[in-house]
Amino acid sequence: MIERARSTGIEKILTLGTDLPSCQQAIQIARKFEPVYAAVGIHPTDIFHCQPNDIALIKDLAVGRK
């Protein structure tokens, strides 16, 4: 997908995390592929499925500590 995007002139890609597992996955993808950036957070519909420590862990991901 990344190569196909590059071939059409797309230079940057944003992947999103909406809960802790998808945030961790977004960070891994962004670290692996140069043109990919990650946005992490909790989607409002996912907030009721969060564990108490999830927000702190996502904050650490956002600032690059994890």
Protein backbone atom coordinates (compact mmCIF):
# COMPACT_ATOMS: atom_id res chain seq x y z
CA MET A 1 0.00 0.00 0.00
CA ILE A 2 2.82 2.40 0.85
CA GLU A 3 4.57 1.85 -2.46
CA ARG A 4 1.29 2.31 -4.33
CA ALA A 5 0.70 5.58 -2.46
CA ARG A 6 4.21 6.79 -3.28
CA SER A 7 3.73 5.95 -6.95
CA THR A 8 0.75 8.32 -7.06
CA GLY A 9 2.68 11.17 -5.45
CA ILE A 10 1.58 10.75 -1.85
CA GLU A 11 4.50 11.67 0.37
CA LYS A 12 3.08 11.30 3.88
CA ILE A 13 0.59 8.87 5.43
CA LEU A 14 -1.18 9.17 8.78
CA THR A 15 -2.29 6.06 10.66
CA LEU A 16 -4.58 6.36 13.64
CA GLY A 17 -4.94 4.64 16.97
CA THR A 18 -8.28 4.88 18.76
CA ASP A 19 -7.61 2.64 21.76
CA LEU A 20 -4.44 1.32 23.41
CA PRO A 21 -3.89 -1.71 21.13
CA SER A 22 -4.46 0.24 17.92
CA CYS A 23 -2.27 3.10 19.21
CA GLN A 24 0.56 0.66 19.85
CA GLN A 25 0.09 -0.80 16.38
CA ALA A 26 0.04 2.67 14.78
CA ILE A 27 3.35 3.53 16.48
CA GLN A 28 4.92 0.27 15.27
CA ILE A 29 3.82 0.95 11.70
CA ALA A 30 5.13 4.51 11.80
CA ARG A 31 8.50 3.33 13.11
CA LYS A 32 8.74 0.72 10.37
CA PHE A 33 7.80 2.85 7.36
CA GLU A 34 9.45 6.23 6.69
CA PRO A 35 6.49 8.15 5.21
CA VAL A 36 4.04 7.02 7.92
CA TYR A 37 3.16 9.09 10.97
CA ALA A 38 0.98 8.00 13.88
CA ALA A 39 -1.78 9.82 15.72
CA VAL A 40 -2.77 8.28 19.05
CA GLY A 41 -5.69 8.84 21.35
CA ILE A 42 -8.96 7.43 22.59
CA HIS A 43 -11.98 7.64 20.31
CA PRO A 44 -15.07 8.73 22.24
CA THR A 45 -16.84 5.46 21.46
CA ASP A 46 -13.88 3.49 22.89
CA ILE A 47 -13.54 5.39 26.17
CA PHE A 48 -15.82 3.01 28.09
CA HIS A 49 -13.63 0.03 27.12
CA CYS A 50 -10.42 1.60 28.46
CA GLN A 51 -8.55 0.34 31.45
CA PRO A 52 -7.55 2.92 34.11
CA ASN A 53 -3.91 3.05 32.97
CA ASP A 54 -4.61 3.19 29.19
CA ILE A 55 -4.68 6.97 28.96
CA ALA A 56 -1.31 7.29 30.72
CA LEU A 57 0.18 4.66 28.40
CA ILE A 58 -1.19 6.43 25.32
CA LYS A 59 0.26 9.69 26.61
CA ASP A 60 3.66 7.98 26.85
CA LEU A 61 3.26 6.76 23.26
CA ALA A 62 2.37 10.27 22.10
CA VAL A 63 5.55 11.76 23.54
CA GLY A 64 7.74 8.88 22.40
CA ARG A 65 8.47 7.21 25.73
CA LYS A 66 7.19 3.80 24.65
